C-alpha cells in the first residue's frame, strides 16, 4: 500500500491510519453462527426439485 504514495510511508503508519478509520488486518471468521440447519435443508430440498435449466447462479465477488 505504501507504493501508492510518492513519499516514503512506513507499514506502521499505514497500520495506525487503518485502525483510525476502523479497518483491521485481522481475519474474521467465515462461519455463519445464525445459520439454521433445518431451514437450510428445506431450501436444498426445494432447490433439488427444480430443473437445472431453471437455476441461475450469481457470482457477487469482483473477481468473478
N, C-alpha and C. Protein backbone atom coordinates (compact mmCIF):
# COMPACT_ATOMS: atom_id res chain seq x y z
N UNK A 1 0.82 -1.20 0.00
CA UNK A 1 0.00 0.00 0.00
C UNK A 1 0.86 1.26 0.00
N UNK A 2 2.02 1.17 0.62
CA UNK A 2 2.91 2.33 0.67
C UNK A 2 3.39 2.72 -0.73
N UNK A 3 3.36 1.81 -1.67
CA UNK A 3 3.80 2.09 -3.03
C UNK A 3 2.86 3.04 -3.76
N UNK A 4 1.66 3.26 -3.22
CA UNK A 4 0.70 4.16 -3.86
C UNK A 4 1.07 5.62 -3.69
N UNK A 5 1.95 5.94 -2.73
CA UNK A 5 2.34 7.32 -2.47
C UNK A 5 3.76 7.55 -2.98
N UNK A 6 4.02 8.80 -3.38
CA UNK A 6 5.35 9.17 -3.84
C UNK A 6 6.33 9.25 -2.67
N UNK A 7 5.84 9.74 -1.52
CA UNK A 7 6.70 9.86 -0.34
C UNK A 7 6.87 8.50 0.32
N UNK A 8 7.86 8.43 1.22
CA UNK A 8 8.08 7.18 1.94
C UNK A 8 7.10 7.10 3.10
N UNK A 9 6.35 6.04 3.14
CA UNK A 9 5.39 5.81 4.21
C UNK A 9 5.63 4.40 4.74
N UNK A 10 5.77 4.31 6.05
CA UNK A 10 6.05 3.00 6.64
C UNK A 10 4.77 2.17 6.78
N UNK A 11 4.94 0.88 6.91
CA UNK A 11 3.82 -0.01 7.13
C UNK A 11 3.13 0.32 8.45
N UNK A 12 3.91 0.74 9.44
CA UNK A 12 3.35 1.10 10.74
C UNK A 12 2.41 2.29 10.61
N UNK A 13 2.78 3.28 9.81
CA UNK A 13 1.93 4.45 9.59
C UNK A 13 0.62 4.03 8.93
N UNK A 14 0.71 3.15 7.97
CA UNK A 14 -0.49 2.66 7.29
C UNK A 14 -1.36 1.90 8.28
N UNK A 15 -0.75 1.08 9.13
CA UNK A 15 -1.50 0.32 10.12
C UNK A 15 -2.24 1.24 11.09
N UNK A 16 -1.57 2.26 11.58
CA UNK A 16 -2.22 3.22 12.51
C UNK A 16 -3.36 3.95 11.82
N UNK A 17 -3.16 4.36 10.58
CA UNK A 17 -4.22 5.07 9.85
C UNK A 17 -5.41 4.14 9.61
N UNK A 18 -5.14 2.90 9.31
CA UNK A 18 -6.22 1.94 9.08
C UNK A 18 -7.05 1.73 10.34
N UNK A 19 -6.38 1.65 11.48
CA UNK A 19 -7.10 1.47 12.75
C UNK A 19 -7.99 2.67 13.06
N UNK A 20 -7.53 3.87 12.70
CA UNK A 20 -8.31 5.07 12.97
C UNK A 20 -9.62 5.10 12.19
N UNK A 21 -9.60 4.54 11.00
CA UNK A 21 -10.82 4.53 10.18
C UNK A 21 -11.63 3.25 10.36
N UNK A 22 -11.21 2.40 11.29
CA UNK A 22 -11.98 1.21 11.61
C UNK A 22 -11.62 -0.02 10.82
N UNK A 23 -10.56 0.04 10.06
CA UNK A 23 -10.13 -1.12 9.30
C UNK A 23 -9.16 -1.94 10.14
N UNK A 24 -9.15 -3.22 9.91
CA UNK A 24 -8.30 -4.09 10.70
C UNK A 24 -7.77 -5.20 9.80
N UNK A 25 -6.53 -5.61 10.01
CA UNK A 25 -5.96 -6.66 9.18
C UNK A 25 -6.22 -8.05 9.75
N UNK A 26 -6.89 -8.14 10.89
CA UNK A 26 -7.18 -9.44 11.48
C UNK A 26 -8.23 -10.15 10.64
N UNK A 27 -8.05 -11.45 10.51
CA UNK A 27 -9.01 -12.24 9.75
C UNK A 27 -10.28 -12.41 10.57
N UNK A 28 -11.40 -12.33 9.89
CA UNK A 28 -12.69 -12.52 10.53
C UNK A 28 -13.16 -13.94 10.28
N UNK A 29 -13.89 -14.51 11.22
CA UNK A 29 -14.39 -15.87 10.99
C UNK A 29 -15.36 -15.91 9.81
N UNK A 30 -15.28 -16.95 9.03
CA UNK A 30 -16.11 -17.04 7.83
C UNK A 30 -17.39 -17.84 8.06
N UNK A 31 -17.57 -18.38 9.24
CA UNK A 31 -18.77 -19.16 9.53
C UNK A 31 -19.98 -18.27 9.74
N UNK A 32 -21.13 -18.87 9.75
CA UNK A 32 -22.37 -18.13 9.97
C UNK A 32 -23.05 -18.70 11.19
N UNK A 33 -22.85 -18.11 12.36
CA UNK A 33 -23.42 -18.67 13.59
C UNK A 33 -24.95 -18.66 13.61
N UNK A 34 -25.56 -17.78 12.81
CA UNK A 34 -27.02 -17.68 12.81
C UNK A 34 -27.67 -18.68 11.85
N UNK A 35 -26.87 -19.52 11.20
CA UNK A 35 -27.41 -20.47 10.23
C UNK A 35 -28.34 -21.47 10.91
N UNK A 36 -29.50 -21.64 10.32
CA UNK A 36 -30.50 -22.59 10.81
C UNK A 36 -30.44 -23.82 9.91
N UNK A 37 -29.94 -24.92 10.45
CA UNK A 37 -29.72 -26.12 9.64
C UNK A 37 -31.02 -26.67 9.07
N UNK A 38 -32.13 -26.58 9.81
CA UNK A 38 -33.41 -27.09 9.32
C UNK A 38 -33.88 -26.28 8.11
N UNK A 39 -33.75 -24.95 8.18
CA UNK A 39 -34.13 -24.10 7.05
C UNK A 39 -33.23 -24.36 5.85
N UNK A 40 -31.96 -24.60 6.12
CA UNK A 40 -31.01 -24.87 5.05
C UNK A 40 -31.38 -26.16 4.33
N UNK A 41 -31.70 -27.20 5.08
CA UNK A 41 -32.08 -28.47 4.48
C UNK A 41 -33.38 -28.34 3.67
N UNK A 42 -34.33 -27.56 4.20
CA UNK A 42 -35.59 -27.34 3.48
C UNK A 42 -35.34 -26.61 2.16
N UNK A 43 -34.45 -25.63 2.19
CA UNK A 43 -34.10 -24.90 0.97
C UNK A 43 -33.44 -25.82 -0.05
N UNK A 44 -32.52 -26.66 0.41
CA UNK A 44 -31.84 -27.57 -0.51
C UNK A 44 -32.82 -28.58 -1.12
N UNK A 45 -33.80 -29.02 -0.33
CA UNK A 45 -34.82 -29.93 -0.86
C UNK A 45 -35.66 -29.24 -1.93
N UNK A 46 -36.01 -27.97 -1.66
CA UNK A 46 -36.79 -27.20 -2.63
C UNK A 46 -35.98 -26.95 -3.90
N UNK A 47 -34.71 -26.67 -3.73
CA UNK A 47 -33.82 -26.40 -4.86
C UNK A 47 -33.63 -27.66 -5.71
N UNK A 48 -33.53 -28.80 -5.07
CA UNK A 48 -33.33 -30.04 -5.84
C UNK A 48 -34.56 -30.42 -6.65
N UNK A 49 -35.72 -29.88 -6.31
CA UNK A 49 -36.95 -30.17 -7.06
C UNK A 49 -37.02 -29.38 -8.37
N UNK A 50 -36.21 -28.34 -8.50
CA UNK A 50 -36.20 -27.53 -9.72
C UNK A 50 -35.38 -28.21 -10.81
N UNK A 51 -35.77 -27.95 -12.05
CA UNK A 51 -34.96 -28.47 -13.15
C UNK A 51 -33.70 -27.61 -13.28
N UNK A 52 -32.57 -28.23 -13.64
CA UNK A 52 -31.30 -27.50 -13.71
C UNK A 52 -31.32 -26.28 -14.63
N UNK A 53 -32.13 -26.29 -15.68
CA UNK A 53 -32.16 -25.14 -16.59
C UNK A 53 -32.92 -23.95 -16.00
N UNK A 54 -33.55 -24.13 -14.86
CA UNK A 54 -34.26 -23.04 -14.18
C UNK A 54 -33.41 -22.37 -13.10
N UNK A 55 -32.23 -22.92 -12.83
CA UNK A 55 -31.37 -22.41 -11.75
C UNK A 55 -30.34 -21.45 -12.35
N UNK A 56 -30.22 -20.28 -11.75
CA UNK A 56 -29.25 -19.28 -12.18
C UNK A 56 -28.30 -19.00 -11.02
N UNK A 57 -27.01 -19.06 -11.28
CA UNK A 57 -26.00 -18.79 -10.27
C UNK A 57 -25.46 -17.38 -10.48
N UNK A 58 -25.37 -16.63 -9.41
CA UNK A 58 -24.80 -15.28 -9.46
C UNK A 58 -23.50 -15.26 -8.66
N UNK A 59 -22.48 -14.71 -9.26
CA UNK A 59 -21.20 -14.55 -8.58
C UNK A 59 -21.09 -13.09 -8.18
N UNK A 60 -21.00 -12.85 -6.86
CA UNK A 60 -21.01 -11.48 -6.37
C UNK A 60 -19.62 -10.94 -6.09
N UNK A 61 -18.59 -11.73 -6.23
CA UNK A 61 -17.24 -11.24 -5.95
C UNK A 61 -16.76 -10.42 -7.16
N UNK A 62 -15.91 -9.43 -6.94
CA UNK A 62 -15.43 -8.62 -8.05
C UNK A 62 -14.50 -9.40 -8.98
N UNK A 63 -13.96 -10.52 -8.50
CA UNK A 63 -13.04 -11.32 -9.33
C UNK A 63 -13.77 -12.38 -10.12
N UNK A 64 -15.09 -12.54 -9.88
CA UNK A 64 -15.95 -13.42 -10.62
C UNK A 64 -15.49 -14.81 -10.72
